């Protein structure tokens, strides 16, 4: 699995916890009228609280 090529997306925020970013391998469009994306973060991820 470590050699599997897959698209990677950069997700970033500049919220109340400051600037944070992470890469995700799966992302889904939820709405076109107001651009909204869906992605999941593991609770053990260092950036979990920021998102």
C-alpha atoms as a PDB file:
ATOM      1  CA  UNK A   1       0.000   0.000   0.000  1.00  0.00           C
ATOM      2  CA  UNK A   2       2.874   2.416   0.604  1.00  0.00           C
ATOM      3  CA  UNK A   3       3.663   2.456  -3.122  1.00  0.00           C
ATOM      4  CA  UNK A   4       0.060   3.108  -4.199  1.00  0.00           C
ATOM      5  CA  UNK A   5      -0.304   6.353  -6.121  1.00  0.00           C
ATOM      6  CA  UNK A   6      -3.331   8.380  -5.094  1.00  0.00           C
ATOM      7  CA  UNK A   7      -4.366  12.014  -5.383  1.00  0.00           C
ATOM      8  CA  UNK A   8      -3.590  14.093  -2.320  1.00  0.00           C
ATOM      9  CA  UNK A   9      -5.439  17.264  -1.328  1.00  0.00           C
ATOM     10  CA  UNK A  10      -4.233  20.038   0.933  1.00  0.00           C
ATOM     11  CA  UNK A  11      -6.854  21.255   3.412  1.00  0.00           C
ATOM     12  CA  UNK A  12      -6.090  24.434   5.352  1.00  0.00           C
ATOM     13  CA  UNK A  13      -7.826  26.656   7.889  1.00  0.00           C
ATOM     14  CA  UNK A  14      -7.149  29.993   9.540  1.00  0.00           C
ATOM     15  CA  UNK A  15      -9.544  29.841  12.465  1.00  0.00           C
ATOM     16  CA  UNK A  16      -9.563  30.427  16.192  1.00  0.00           C
ATOM     17  CA  UNK A  17      -6.687  27.951  16.706  1.00  0.00           C
ATOM     18  CA  UNK A  18      -4.472  29.696  14.132  1.00  0.00           C
ATOM     19  CA  UNK A  19      -3.288  28.413  10.785  1.00  0.00           C
ATOM     20  CA  UNK A  20      -3.295  24.653  10.280  1.00  0.00           C
ATOM     21  CA  UNK A  21      -3.085  22.394   7.281  1.00  0.00           C
ATOM     22  CA  UNK A  22      -3.033  18.712   6.482  1.00  0.00           C
ATOM     23  CA  UNK A  23      -3.109  16.420   3.487  1.00  0.00           C
ATOM     24  CA  UNK A  24      -6.044  14.113   2.842  1.00  0.00           C
ATOM     25  CA  UNK A  25      -6.426  11.365   0.276  1.00  0.00           C
ATOM     26  CA  UNK A  26     -10.225  11.432   0.015  1.00  0.00           C
ATOM     27  CA  UNK A  27     -12.475  14.456  -0.331  1.00  0.00           C
ATOM     28  CA  UNK A  28     -16.088  14.872  -1.447  1.00  0.00           C
ATOM     29  CA  UNK A  29     -18.028  17.848  -2.788  1.00  0.00           C
ATOM     30  CA  UNK A  30     -21.204  18.439  -0.759  1.00  0.00           C
ATOM     31  CA  UNK A  31     -22.612  21.585  -2.360  1.00  0.00           C
ATOM     32  CA  UNK A  32     -21.959  23.655  -5.473  1.00  0.00           C
ATOM     33  CA  UNK A  33     -24.019  26.743  -4.617  1.00  0.00           C
ATOM     34  CA  UNK A  34     -21.872  27.414  -1.563  1.00  0.00           C
ATOM     35  CA  UNK A  35     -18.591  25.533  -2.125  1.00  0.00           C
ATOM     36  CA  UNK A  36     -18.495  22.960   0.675  1.00  0.00           C
ATOM     37  CA  UNK A  37     -16.178  19.963   0.960  1.00  0.00           C
ATOM     38  CA  UNK A  38     -16.390  16.891   3.170  1.00  0.00           C
ATOM     39  CA  UNK A  39     -13.365  15.100   4.604  1.00  0.00           C
ATOM     40  CA  UNK A  40     -12.651  13.043   7.703  1.00  0.00           C
ATOM     41  CA  UNK A  41      -9.883  13.550  10.270  1.00  0.00           C
ATOM     42  CA  UNK A  42      -8.745  10.972  12.791  1.00  0.00           C
ATOM     43  CA  UNK A  43      -9.166  12.250  16.356  1.00  0.00           C
ATOM     44  CA  UNK A  44      -5.524  11.389  17.043  1.00  0.00           C
ATOM     45  CA  UNK A  45      -4.369  13.803  14.314  1.00  0.00           C
ATOM     46  CA  UNK A  46      -2.425  16.802  15.647  1.00  0.00           C
ATOM     47  CA  UNK A  47      -4.662  19.200  13.630  1.00  0.00           C
ATOM     48  CA  UNK A  48      -7.971  17.664  14.754  1.00  0.00           C
ATOM     49  CA  UNK A  49      -8.879  20.451  17.186  1.00  0.00           C
ATOM     50  CA  UNK A  50      -8.227  23.181  14.595  1.00  0.00           C
ATOM     51  CA  UNK A  51     -10.797  21.809  12.173  1.00  0.00           C
END
